[in-house]
Amino acid sequence: GGRTTYLHSVEGRFTISRDNAKNAMYL
């Protein structure tokens, strides 16, 4: 559903995303 969680030390700097149509994930 798109809910994200982050390691505290990377929050605000890293962004995780996904593209289900492409069967891919990104950071």
mmCIF file of all heavy atoms, coordinates in Angstrom:
data_MODEL
# 
_entry.id   MODEL 
# 
loop_
_atom_site.group_PDB 
_atom_site.id 
_atom_site.type_symbol 
_atom_site.label_atom_id 
_atom_site.label_alt_id 
_atom_site.label_comp_id 
_atom_site.label_asym_id 
_atom_site.label_entity_id 
_atom_site.label_seq_id 
_atom_site.pdbx_PDB_ins_code 
_atom_site.Cartn_x 
_atom_site.Cartn_y 
_atom_site.Cartn_z 
_atom_site.occupancy 
_atom_site.B_iso_or_equiv 
_atom_site.pdbx_formal_charge 
_atom_site.auth_seq_id 
_atom_site.auth_comp_id 
_atom_site.auth_asym_id 
_atom_site.auth_atom_id 
_atom_site.pdbx_PDB_model_num 
ATOM 1   N N   . GLY A 1 1  ? 0.779  -1.220 0.000   1.00 0.00 ? 1  GLY A N   1 
ATOM 2   C CA  . GLY A 1 1  ? 0.000  0.000  0.000   1.00 0.00 ? 1  GLY A CA  1 
ATOM 3   C C   . GLY A 1 1  ? 0.814  1.274  0.000   1.00 0.00 ? 1  GLY A C   1 
ATOM 4   O O   . GLY A 1 1  ? 0.237  2.368  -0.033  1.00 0.00 ? 1  GLY A O   1 
ATOM 5   N N   . GLY A 1 2  ? 2.139  1.154  0.057   1.00 0.00 ? 2  GLY A N   1 
ATOM 6   C CA  . GLY A 1 2  ? 2.998  2.314  -0.028  1.00 0.00 ? 2  GLY A CA  1 
ATOM 7   C C   . GLY A 1 2  ? 3.452  2.897  1.298   1.00 0.00 ? 2  GLY A C   1 
ATOM 8   O O   . GLY A 1 2  ? 4.112  3.944  1.317   1.00 0.00 ? 2  GLY A O   1 
ATOM 9   N N   . ARG A 1 3  ? 3.112  2.249  2.400   1.00 0.00 ? 3  ARG A N   1 
ATOM 10  C CA  . ARG A 1 3  ? 3.600  2.730  3.688   1.00 0.00 ? 3  ARG A CA  1 
ATOM 11  C C   . ARG A 1 3  ? 5.091  2.433  3.812   1.00 0.00 ? 3  ARG A C   1 
ATOM 12  O O   . ARG A 1 3  ? 5.535  1.319  3.535   1.00 0.00 ? 3  ARG A O   1 
ATOM 13  C CB  . ARG A 1 3  ? 2.838  2.078  4.840   1.00 0.00 ? 3  ARG A CB  1 
ATOM 14  C CG  . ARG A 1 3  ? 3.285  2.557  6.216   1.00 0.00 ? 3  ARG A CG  1 
ATOM 15  C CD  . ARG A 1 3  ? 2.505  1.872  7.322   1.00 0.00 ? 3  ARG A CD  1 
ATOM 16  N NE  . ARG A 1 3  ? 1.116  2.274  7.320   1.00 0.00 ? 3  ARG A NE  1 
ATOM 17  C CZ  . ARG A 1 3  ? 0.635  3.338  7.947   1.00 0.00 ? 3  ARG A CZ  1 
ATOM 18  N NH1 . ARG A 1 3  ? 1.453  4.120  8.649   1.00 0.00 ? 3  ARG A NH1 1 
ATOM 19  N NH2 . ARG A 1 3  ? -0.648 3.619  7.886   1.00 0.00 ? 3  ARG A NH2 1 
ATOM 20  N N   . THR A 1 4  ? 5.848  3.417  4.261   1.00 0.00 ? 4  THR A N   1 
ATOM 21  C CA  . THR A 1 4  ? 7.299  3.282  4.336   1.00 0.00 ? 4  THR A CA  1 
ATOM 22  C C   . THR A 1 4  ? 7.803  3.405  5.760   1.00 0.00 ? 4  THR A C   1 
ATOM 23  O O   . THR A 1 4  ? 7.200  4.081  6.603   1.00 0.00 ? 4  THR A O   1 
ATOM 24  C CB  . THR A 1 4  ? 8.006  4.333  3.473   1.00 0.00 ? 4  THR A CB  1 
ATOM 25  O OG1 . THR A 1 4  ? 7.629  5.647  3.922   1.00 0.00 ? 4  THR A OG1 1 
ATOM 26  C CG2 . THR A 1 4  ? 7.622  4.178  2.015   1.00 0.00 ? 4  THR A CG2 1 
ATOM 27  N N   . THR A 1 5  ? 8.902  2.738  6.031   1.00 0.00 ? 5  THR A N   1 
ATOM 28  C CA  . THR A 1 5  ? 9.626  2.881  7.283   1.00 0.00 ? 5  THR A CA  1 
ATOM 29  C C   . THR A 1 5  ? 11.100 3.034  6.961   1.00 0.00 ? 5  THR A C   1 
ATOM 30  O O   . THR A 1 5  ? 11.572 2.527  5.941   1.00 0.00 ? 5  THR A O   1 
ATOM 31  C CB  . THR A 1 5  ? 9.426  1.677  8.218   1.00 0.00 ? 5  THR A CB  1 
ATOM 32  O OG1 . THR A 1 5  ? 9.877  0.483  7.568   1.00 0.00 ? 5  THR A OG1 1 
ATOM 33  C CG2 . THR A 1 5  ? 7.962  1.519  8.600   1.00 0.00 ? 5  THR A CG2 1 
ATOM 34  N N   . TYR A 1 6  ? 11.821 3.733  7.841   1.00 0.00 ? 6  TYR A N   1 
ATOM 35  C CA  . TYR A 1 6  ? 13.229 4.013  7.606   1.00 0.00 ? 6  TYR A CA  1 
ATOM 36  C C   . TYR A 1 6  ? 14.050 3.827  8.868   1.00 0.00 ? 6  TYR A C   1 
ATOM 37  O O   . TYR A 1 6  ? 13.581 4.091  9.982   1.00 0.00 ? 6  TYR A O   1 
ATOM 38  C CB  . TYR A 1 6  ? 13.426 5.442  7.106   1.00 0.00 ? 6  TYR A CB  1 
ATOM 39  C CG  . TYR A 1 6  ? 12.825 5.714  5.760   1.00 0.00 ? 6  TYR A CG  1 
ATOM 40  C CD1 . TYR A 1 6  ? 11.541 6.218  5.641   1.00 0.00 ? 6  TYR A CD1 1 
ATOM 41  C CD2 . TYR A 1 6  ? 13.549 5.455  4.598   1.00 0.00 ? 6  TYR A CD2 1 
ATOM 42  C CE1 . TYR A 1 6  ? 10.984 6.469  4.400   1.00 0.00 ? 6  TYR A CE1 1 
ATOM 43  C CE2 . TYR A 1 6  ? 12.994 5.700  3.358   1.00 0.00 ? 6  TYR A CE2 1 
ATOM 44  C CZ  . TYR A 1 6  ? 11.712 6.207  3.262   1.00 0.00 ? 6  TYR A CZ  1 
ATOM 45  O OH  . TYR A 1 6  ? 11.172 6.454  2.020   1.00 0.00 ? 6  TYR A OH  1 
ATOM 46  N N   . LEU A 1 7  ? 15.274 3.397  8.671   1.00 0.00 ? 7  LEU A N   1 
ATOM 47  C CA  . LEU A 1 7  ? 16.263 3.462  9.726   1.00 0.00 ? 7  LEU A CA  1 
ATOM 48  C C   . LEU A 1 7  ? 16.405 4.925  10.130  1.00 0.00 ? 7  LEU A C   1 
ATOM 49  O O   . LEU A 1 7  ? 16.469 5.815  9.269   1.00 0.00 ? 7  LEU A O   1 
ATOM 50  C CB  . LEU A 1 7  ? 17.584 2.903  9.207   1.00 0.00 ? 7  LEU A CB  1 
ATOM 51  C CG  . LEU A 1 7  ? 18.762 2.814  10.154  1.00 0.00 ? 7  LEU A CG  1 
ATOM 52  C CD1 . LEU A 1 7  ? 18.509 1.766  11.227  1.00 0.00 ? 7  LEU A CD1 1 
ATOM 53  C CD2 . LEU A 1 7  ? 20.024 2.463  9.364   1.00 0.00 ? 7  LEU A CD2 1 
ATOM 54  N N   . HIS A 1 8  ? 16.452 5.195  11.414  1.00 0.00 ? 8  HIS A N   1 
ATOM 55  C CA  . HIS A 1 8  ? 16.462 6.565  11.888  1.00 0.00 ? 8  HIS A CA  1 
ATOM 56  C C   . HIS A 1 8  ? 17.575 7.399  11.252  1.00 0.00 ? 8  HIS A C   1 
ATOM 57  O O   . HIS A 1 8  ? 17.369 8.558  10.892  1.00 0.00 ? 8  HIS A O   1 
ATOM 58  C CB  . HIS A 1 8  ? 16.594 6.601  13.411  1.00 0.00 ? 8  HIS A CB  1 
ATOM 59  C CG  . HIS A 1 8  ? 16.591 7.977  13.989  1.00 0.00 ? 8  HIS A CG  1 
ATOM 60  N ND1 . HIS A 1 8  ? 15.464 8.759  14.026  1.00 0.00 ? 8  HIS A ND1 1 
ATOM 61  C CD2 . HIS A 1 8  ? 17.591 8.722  14.527  1.00 0.00 ? 8  HIS A CD2 1 
ATOM 62  C CE1 . HIS A 1 8  ? 15.748 9.920  14.568  1.00 0.00 ? 8  HIS A CE1 1 
ATOM 63  N NE2 . HIS A 1 8  ? 17.031 9.922  14.886  1.00 0.00 ? 8  HIS A NE2 1 
ATOM 64  N N   . SER A 1 9  ? 18.748 6.800  11.087  1.00 0.00 ? 9  SER A N   1 
ATOM 65  C CA  . SER A 1 9  ? 19.891 7.550  10.597  1.00 0.00 ? 9  SER A CA  1 
ATOM 66  C C   . SER A 1 9  ? 19.778 7.944  9.120   1.00 0.00 ? 9  SER A C   1 
ATOM 67  O O   . SER A 1 9  ? 20.531 8.794  8.655   1.00 0.00 ? 9  SER A O   1 
ATOM 68  C CB  . SER A 1 9  ? 21.185 6.759  10.814  1.00 0.00 ? 9  SER A CB  1 
ATOM 69  O OG  . SER A 1 9  ? 21.178 5.548  10.089  1.00 0.00 ? 9  SER A OG  1 
ATOM 70  N N   . VAL A 1 10 ? 18.846 7.339  8.383   1.00 0.00 ? 10 VAL A N   1 
ATOM 71  C CA  . VAL A 1 10 ? 18.687 7.678  6.968   1.00 0.00 ? 10 VAL A CA  1 
ATOM 72  C C   . VAL A 1 10 ? 17.392 8.421  6.685   1.00 0.00 ? 10 VAL A C   1 
ATOM 73  O O   . VAL A 1 10 ? 17.207 8.939  5.574   1.00 0.00 ? 10 VAL A O   1 
ATOM 74  C CB  . VAL A 1 10 ? 18.767 6.431  6.059   1.00 0.00 ? 10 VAL A CB  1 
ATOM 75  C CG1 . VAL A 1 10 ? 19.998 5.608  6.388   1.00 0.00 ? 10 VAL A CG1 1 
ATOM 76  C CG2 . VAL A 1 10 ? 17.498 5.588  6.155   1.00 0.00 ? 10 VAL A CG2 1 
ATOM 77  N N   . GLU A 1 11 ? 16.503 8.496  7.646   1.00 0.00 ? 11 GLU A N   1 
ATOM 78  C CA  . GLU A 1 11 ? 15.217 9.155  7.438   1.00 0.00 ? 11 GLU A CA  1 
ATOM 79  C C   . GLU A 1 11 ? 15.427 10.621 7.063   1.00 0.00 ? 11 GLU A C   1 
ATOM 80  O O   . GLU A 1 11 ? 16.195 11.338 7.694   1.00 0.00 ? 11 GLU A O   1 
ATOM 81  C CB  . GLU A 1 11 ? 14.358 9.040  8.689   1.00 0.00 ? 11 GLU A CB  1 
ATOM 82  C CG  . GLU A 1 11 ? 12.904 9.420  8.476   1.00 0.00 ? 11 GLU A CG  1 
ATOM 83  C CD  . GLU A 1 11 ? 12.004 8.945  9.589   1.00 0.00 ? 11 GLU A CD  1 
ATOM 84  O OE1 . GLU A 1 11 ? 12.529 8.650  10.684  1.00 0.00 ? 11 GLU A OE1 1 
ATOM 85  O OE2 . GLU A 1 11 ? 10.789 8.854  9.379   1.00 0.00 ? 11 GLU A OE2 1 
ATOM 86  N N   . GLY A 1 12 ? 14.743 11.033 6.023   1.00 0.00 ? 12 GLY A N   1 
ATOM 87  C CA  . GLY A 1 12 ? 14.894 12.389 5.523   1.00 0.00 ? 12 GLY A CA  1 
ATOM 88  C C   . GLY A 1 12 ? 15.929 12.514 4.429   1.00 0.00 ? 12 GLY A C   1 
ATOM 89  O O   . GLY A 1 12 ? 15.939 13.516 3.705   1.00 0.00 ? 12 GLY A O   1 
ATOM 90  N N   . ARG A 1 13 ? 16.788 11.529 4.314   1.00 0.00 ? 13 ARG A N   1 
ATOM 91  C CA  . ARG A 1 13 ? 17.817 11.528 3.269   1.00 0.00 ? 13 ARG A CA  1 
ATOM 92  C C   . ARG A 1 13 ? 17.546 10.483 2.195   1.00 0.00 ? 13 ARG A C   1 
ATOM 93  O O   . ARG A 1 13 ? 17.853 10.704 1.021   1.00 0.00 ? 13 ARG A O   1 
ATOM 94  C CB  . ARG A 1 13 ? 19.200 11.264 3.868   1.00 0.00 ? 13 ARG A CB  1 
ATOM 95  C CG  . ARG A 1 13 ? 19.649 12.314 4.876   1.00 0.00 ? 13 ARG A CG  1 
ATOM 96  C CD  . ARG A 1 13 ? 21.109 12.095 5.279   1.00 0.00 ? 13 ARG A CD  1 
ATOM 97  N NE  . ARG A 1 13 ? 21.308 10.823 5.981   1.00 0.00 ? 13 ARG A NE  1 
ATOM 98  C CZ  . ARG A 1 13 ? 22.093 9.840  5.556   1.00 0.00 ? 13 ARG A CZ  1 
ATOM 99  N NH1 . ARG A 1 13 ? 22.766 9.965  4.411   1.00 0.00 ? 13 ARG A NH1 1 
ATOM 100 N NH2 . ARG A 1 13 ? 22.224 8.724  6.268   1.00 0.00 ? 13 ARG A NH2 1 
ATOM 101 N N   . PHE A 1 14 ? 16.993 9.344  2.596   1.00 0.00 ? 14 PHE A N   1 
ATOM 102 C CA  . PHE A 1 14 ? 16.717 8.244  1.669   1.00 0.00 ? 14 PHE A CA  1 
ATOM 103 C C   . PHE A 1 14 ? 15.222 8.155  1.401   1.00 0.00 ? 14 PHE A C   1 
ATOM 104 O O   . PHE A 1 14 ? 14.397 8.435  2.286   1.00 0.00 ? 14 PHE A O   1 
ATOM 105 C CB  . PHE A 1 14 ? 17.174 6.906  2.253   1.00 0.00 ? 14 PHE A CB  1 
ATOM 106 C CG  . PHE A 1 14 ? 18.664 6.729  2.367   1.00 0.00 ? 14 PHE A CG  1 
ATOM 107 C CD1 . PHE A 1 14 ? 19.545 7.777  2.156   1.00 0.00 ? 14 PHE A CD1 1 
ATOM 108 C CD2 . PHE A 1 14 ? 19.174 5.484  2.694   1.00 0.00 ? 14 PHE A CD2 1 
ATOM 109 C CE1 . PHE A 1 14 ? 20.918 7.604  2.268   1.00 0.00 ? 14 PHE A CE1 1 
ATOM 110 C CE2 . PHE A 1 14 ? 20.543 5.293  2.807   1.00 0.00 ? 14 PHE A CE2 1 
ATOM 111 C CZ  . PHE A 1 14 ? 21.414 6.350  2.597   1.00 0.00 ? 14 PHE A CZ  1 
ATOM 112 N N   . THR A 1 15 ? 14.872 7.725  0.203   1.00 0.00 ? 15 THR A N   1 
ATOM 113 C CA  . THR A 1 15 ? 13.485 7.498  -0.159  1.00 0.00 ? 15 THR A CA  1 
ATOM 114 C C   . THR A 1 15 ? 13.353 6.161  -0.872  1.00 0.00 ? 15 THR A C   1 
ATOM 115 O O   . THR A 1 15 ? 13.999 5.941  -1.895  1.00 0.00 ? 15 THR A O   1 
ATOM 116 C CB  . THR A 1 15 ? 12.940 8.606  -1.076  1.00 0.00 ? 15 THR A CB  1 
ATOM 117 O OG1 . THR A 1 15 ? 13.083 9.879  -0.432  1.00 0.00 ? 15 THR A OG1 1 
ATOM 118 C CG2 . THR A 1 15 ? 11.464 8.364  -1.377  1.00 0.00 ? 15 THR A CG2 1 
ATOM 119 N N   . ILE A 1 16 ? 12.523 5.283  -0.325  1.00 0.00 ? 16 ILE A N   1 
ATOM 120 C CA  . ILE A 1 16 ? 12.249 4.004  -0.956  1.00 0.00 ? 16 ILE A CA  1 
ATOM 121 C C   . ILE A 1 16 ? 10.987 4.135  -1.802  1.00 0.00 ? 16 ILE A C   1 
ATOM 122 O O   . ILE A 1 16 ? 10.040 4.819  -1.413  1.00 0.00 ? 16 ILE A O   1 
ATOM 123 C CB  . ILE A 1 16 ? 12.105 2.880  0.101   1.00 0.00 ? 16 ILE A CB  1 
ATOM 124 C CG1 . ILE A 1 16 ? 11.992 1.510  -0.567  1.00 0.00 ? 16 ILE A CG1 1 
ATOM 125 C CG2 . ILE A 1 16 ? 10.934 3.144  1.029   1.00 0.00 ? 16 ILE A CG2 1 
ATOM 126 C CD1 . ILE A 1 16 ? 12.036 0.347  0.430   1.00 0.00 ? 16 ILE A CD1 1 
ATOM 127 N N   . SER A 1 17 ? 10.978 3.499  -2.948  1.00 0.00 ? 17 SER A N   1 
ATOM 128 C CA  . SER A 1 17 ? 9.817  3.526  -3.820  1.00 0.00 ? 17 SER A CA  1 
ATOM 129 C C   . SER A 1 17 ? 9.718  2.209  -4.575  1.00 0.00 ? 17 SER A C   1 
ATOM 130 O O   . SER A 1 17 ? 10.650 1.400  -4.560  1.00 0.00 ? 17 SER A O   1 
ATOM 131 C CB  . SER A 1 17 ? 9.878  4.712  -4.790  1.00 0.00 ? 17 SER A CB  1 
ATOM 132 O OG  . SER A 1 17 ? 11.009 4.623  -5.636  1.00 0.00 ? 17 SER A OG  1 
ATOM 133 N N   . ARG A 1 18 ? 8.590  2.026  -5.223  1.00 0.00 ? 18 ARG A N   1 
ATOM 134 C CA  . ARG A 1 18 ? 8.378  0.786  -5.965  1.00 0.00 ? 18 ARG A CA  1 
ATOM 135 C C   . ARG A 1 18 ? 7.608  1.073  -7.236  1.00 0.00 ? 18 ARG A C   1 
ATOM 136 O O   . ARG A 1 18 ? 6.844  2.040  -7.315  1.00 0.00 ? 18 ARG A O   1 
ATOM 137 C CB  . ARG A 1 18 ? 7.630  -0.239 -5.104  1.00 0.00 ? 18 ARG A CB  1 
ATOM 138 C CG  . ARG A 1 18 ? 6.223  0.197  -4.698  1.00 0.00 ? 18 ARG A CG  1 
ATOM 139 C CD  . ARG A 1 18 ? 5.677  -0.667 -3.569  1.00 0.00 ? 18 ARG A CD  1 
ATOM 140 N NE  . ARG A 1 18 ? 5.559  -2.066 -3.974  1.00 0.00 ? 18 ARG A NE  1 
ATOM 141 C CZ  . ARG A 1 18 ? 5.484  -3.090 -3.127  1.00 0.00 ? 18 ARG A CZ  1 
ATOM 142 N NH1 . ARG A 1 18 ? 5.532  -2.869 -1.818  1.00 0.00 ? 18 ARG A NH1 1 
ATOM 143 N NH2 . ARG A 1 18 ? 5.375  -4.327 -3.581  1.00 0.00 ? 18 ARG A NH2 1 
ATOM 144 N N   . ASP A 1 19 ? 7.799  0.224  -8.225  1.00 0.00 ? 19 ASP A N   1 
ATOM 145 C CA  . ASP A 1 19 ? 7.060  0.280  -9.469  1.00 0.00 ? 19 ASP A CA  1 
ATOM 146 C C   . ASP A 1 19 ? 6.612  -1.147 -9.756  1.00 0.00 ? 19 ASP A C   1 
ATOM 147 O O   . ASP A 1 19 ? 7.364  -1.944 -10.310 1.00 0.00 ? 19 ASP A O   1 
ATOM 148 C CB  . ASP A 1 19 ? 7.914  0.826  -10.606 1.00 0.00 ? 19 ASP A CB  1 
ATOM 149 C CG  . ASP A 1 19 ? 7.119  1.055  -11.880 1.00 0.00 ? 19 ASP A CG  1 
ATOM 150 O OD1 . ASP A 1 19 ? 6.081  0.411  -12.076 1.00 0.00 ? 19 ASP A OD1 1 
ATOM 151 O OD2 . ASP A 1 19 ? 7.551  1.895  -12.692 1.00 0.00 ? 19 ASP A OD2 1 
ATOM 152 N N   . ASN A 1 20 ? 5.392  -1.457 -9.347  1.00 0.00 ? 20 ASN A N   1 
ATOM 153 C CA  . ASN A 1 20 ? 4.915  -2.830 -9.462  1.00 0.00 ? 20 ASN A CA  1 
ATOM 154 C C   . ASN A 1 20 ? 4.798  -3.287 -10.917 1.00 0.00 ? 20 ASN A C   1 
ATOM 155 O O   . ASN A 1 20 ? 5.014  -4.460 -11.218 1.00 0.00 ? 20 ASN A O   1 
ATOM 156 C CB  . ASN A 1 20 ? 3.565  -2.975 -8.756  1.00 0.00 ? 20 ASN A CB  1 
ATOM 157 C CG  . ASN A 1 20 ? 3.679  -2.784 -7.261  1.00 0.00 ? 20 ASN A CG  1 
ATOM 158 O OD1 . ASN A 1 20 ? 4.728  -3.024 -6.663  1.00 0.00 ? 20 ASN A OD1 1 
ATOM 159 N ND2 . ASN A 1 20 ? 2.591  -2.341 -6.637  1.00 0.00 ? 20 ASN A ND2 1 
ATOM 160 N N   . ALA A 1 21 ? 4.452  -2.371 -11.810 1.00 0.00 ? 21 ALA A N   1 
ATOM 161 C CA  . ALA A 1 21 ? 4.331  -2.726 -13.220 1.00 0.00 ? 21 ALA A CA  1 
ATOM 162 C C   . ALA A 1 21 ? 5.660  -3.183 -13.792 1.00 0.00 ? 21 ALA A C   1 
ATOM 163 O O   . ALA A 1 21 ? 5.701  -4.007 -14.705 1.00 0.00 ? 21 ALA A O   1 
ATOM 164 C CB  . ALA A 1 21 ? 3.778  -1.549 -14.018 1.00 0.00 ? 21 ALA A CB  1 
ATOM 165 N N   . LYS A 1 22 ? 6.749  -2.625 -13.280 1.00 0.00 ? 22 LYS A N   1 
ATOM 166 C CA  . LYS A 1 22 ? 8.087  -2.992 -13.733 1.00 0.00 ? 22 LYS A CA  1 
ATOM 167 C C   . LYS A 1 22 ? 8.739  -4.041 -12.849 1.00 0.00 ? 22 LYS A C   1 
ATOM 168 O O   . LYS A 1 22 ? 9.875  -4.449 -13.121 1.00 0.00 ? 22 LYS A O   1 
ATOM 169 C CB  . LYS A 1 22 ? 8.981  -1.763 -13.800 1.00 0.00 ? 22 LYS A CB  1 
ATOM 170 C CG  . LYS A 1 22 ? 8.551  -0.729 -14.822 1.00 0.00 ? 22 LYS A CG  1 
ATOM 171 C CD  . LYS A 1 22 ? 9.511  0.447  -14.841 1.00 0.00 ? 22 LYS A CD  1 
ATOM 172 C CE  . LYS A 1 22 ? 9.111  1.461  -15.894 1.00 0.00 ? 22 LYS A CE  1 
ATOM 173 N NZ  . LYS A 1 22 ? 10.033 2.623  -15.919 1.00 0.00 ? 22 LYS A NZ  1 
ATOM 174 N N   . ASN A 1 23 ? 8.031  -4.461 -11.795 1.00 0.00 ? 23 ASN A N   1 
ATOM 175 C CA  . ASN A 1 23 ? 8.593  -5.411 -10.837 1.00 0.00 ? 23 ASN A CA  1 
ATOM 176 C C   . ASN A 1 23 ? 9.943  -4.908 -10.321 1.00 0.00 ? 23 ASN A C   1 
ATOM 177 O O   . ASN A 1 23 ? 10.946 -5.635 -10.312 1.00 0.00 ? 23 ASN A O   1 
ATOM 178 C CB  . ASN A 1 23 ? 8.747  -6.799 -11.461 1.00 0.00 ? 23 ASN A CB  1 
ATOM 179 C CG  . ASN A 1 23 ? 8.173  -7.900 -10.588 1.00 0.00 ? 23 ASN A CG  1 
ATOM 180 O OD1 . ASN A 1 23 ? 7.205  -7.704 -9.856  1.00 0.00 ? 23 ASN A OD1 1 
ATOM 181 N ND2 . ASN A 1 23 ? 8.776  -9.083 -10.677 1.00 0.00 ? 23 ASN A ND2 1 
ATOM 182 N N   . ALA A 1 24 ? 9.931  -3.656 -9.897  1.00 0.00 ? 24 ALA A N   1 
ATOM 183 C CA  . ALA A 1 24 ? 11.169 -3.011 -9.494  1.00 0.00 ? 24 ALA A CA  1 
ATOM 184 C C   . ALA A 1 24 ? 10.990 -2.230 -8.201  1.00 0.00 ? 24 ALA A C   1 
ATOM 185 O O   . ALA A 1 24 ? 9.885  -1.816 -7.838  1.00 0.00 ? 24 ALA A O   1 
ATOM 186 C CB  . ALA A 1 24 ? 11.663 -2.073 -10.591 1.00 0.00 ? 24 ALA A CB  1 
ATOM 187 N N   . MET A 1 25 ? 12.100 -2.027 -7.516  1.00 0.00 ? 25 MET A N   1 
ATOM 188 C CA  . MET A 1 25 ? 12.145 -1.235 -6.305  1.00 0.00 ? 25 MET A CA  1 
ATOM 189 C C   . MET A 1 25 ? 13.374 -0.342 -6.371  1.00 0.00 ? 25 MET A C   1 
ATOM 190 O O   . MET A 1 25 ? 14.391 -0.716 -6.976  1.00 0.00 ? 25 MET A O   1 
ATOM 191 C CB  . MET A 1 25 ? 12.217 -2.143 -5.069  1.00 0.00 ? 25 MET A CB  1 
ATOM 192 C CG  . MET A 1 25 ? 12.339 -1.390 -3.751  1.00 0.00 ? 25 MET A CG  1 
ATOM 193 S SD  . MET A 1 25 ? 12.371 -2.474 -2.290  1.00 0.00 ? 25 MET A SD  1 
ATOM 194 C CE  . MET A 1 25 ? 13.872 -3.413 -2.558  1.00 0.00 ? 25 MET A CE  1 
ATOM 195 N N   . TYR A 1 26 ? 13.289 0.815  -5.720  1.00 0.00 ? 26 TYR A N   1 
ATOM 196 C CA  . TYR A 1 26 ? 14.361 1.793  -5.806  1.00 0.00 ? 26 TYR A CA  1 
ATOM 197 C C   . TYR A 1 26 ? 14.685 2.361  -4.430  1.00 0.00 ? 26 TYR A C   1 
ATOM 198 O O   . TYR A 1 26 ? 13.862 2.363  -3.519  1.00 0.00 ? 26 TYR A O   1 
ATOM 199 C CB  . TYR A 1 26 ? 13.963 2.944  -6.735  1.00 0.00 ? 26 TYR A CB  1 
ATOM 200 C CG  . TYR A 1 26 ? 13.462 2.478  -8.072  1.00 0.00 ? 26 TYR A CG  1 
ATOM 201 C CD1 . TYR A 1 26 ? 12.098 2.325  -8.307  1.00 0.00 ? 26 TYR A CD1 1 
ATOM 202 C CD2 . TYR A 1 26 ? 14.348 2.175  -9.095  1.00 0.00 ? 26 TYR A CD2 1 
ATOM 203 C CE1 . TYR A 1 26 ? 11.631 1.882  -9.530  1.00 0.00 ? 26 TYR A CE1 1 
ATOM 204 C CE2 . TYR A 1 26 ? 13.890 1.731  -10.324 1.00 0.00 ? 26 TYR A CE2 1 
ATOM 205 C CZ  . TYR A 1 26 ? 12.532 1.587  -10.535 1.00 0.00 ? 26 TYR A CZ  1 
ATOM 206 O OH  . TYR A 1 26 ? 12.079 1.146  -11.760 1.00 0.00 ? 26 TYR A OH  1 
ATOM 207 N N   . LEU A 1 27 ? 15.884 2.857  -4.306  1.00 0.00 ? 27 LEU A N   1 
ATOM 208 C CA  . LEU A 1 27 ? 16.287 3.589  -3.116  1.00 0.00 ? 27 LEU A CA  1 
ATOM 209 C C   . LEU A 1 27 ? 17.054 4.822  -3.557  1.00 0.00 ? 27 LEU A C   1 
ATOM 210 O O   . LEU A 1 27 ? 18.189 4.721  -4.033  1.00 0.00 ? 27 LEU A O   1 
ATOM 211 C CB  . LEU A 1 27 ? 17.153 2.726  -2.197  1.00 0.00 ? 27 LEU A CB  1 
ATOM 212 C CG  . LEU A 1 27 ? 17.512 3.367  -0.850  1.00 0.00 ? 27 LEU A CG  1 
ATOM 213 C CD1 . LEU A 1 27 ? 16.260 3.513  0.019   1.00 0.00 ? 27 LEU A CD1 1 
ATOM 214 C CD2 . LEU A 1 27 ? 18.571 2.535  -0.118  1.00 0.00 ? 27 LEU A CD2 1 
# 
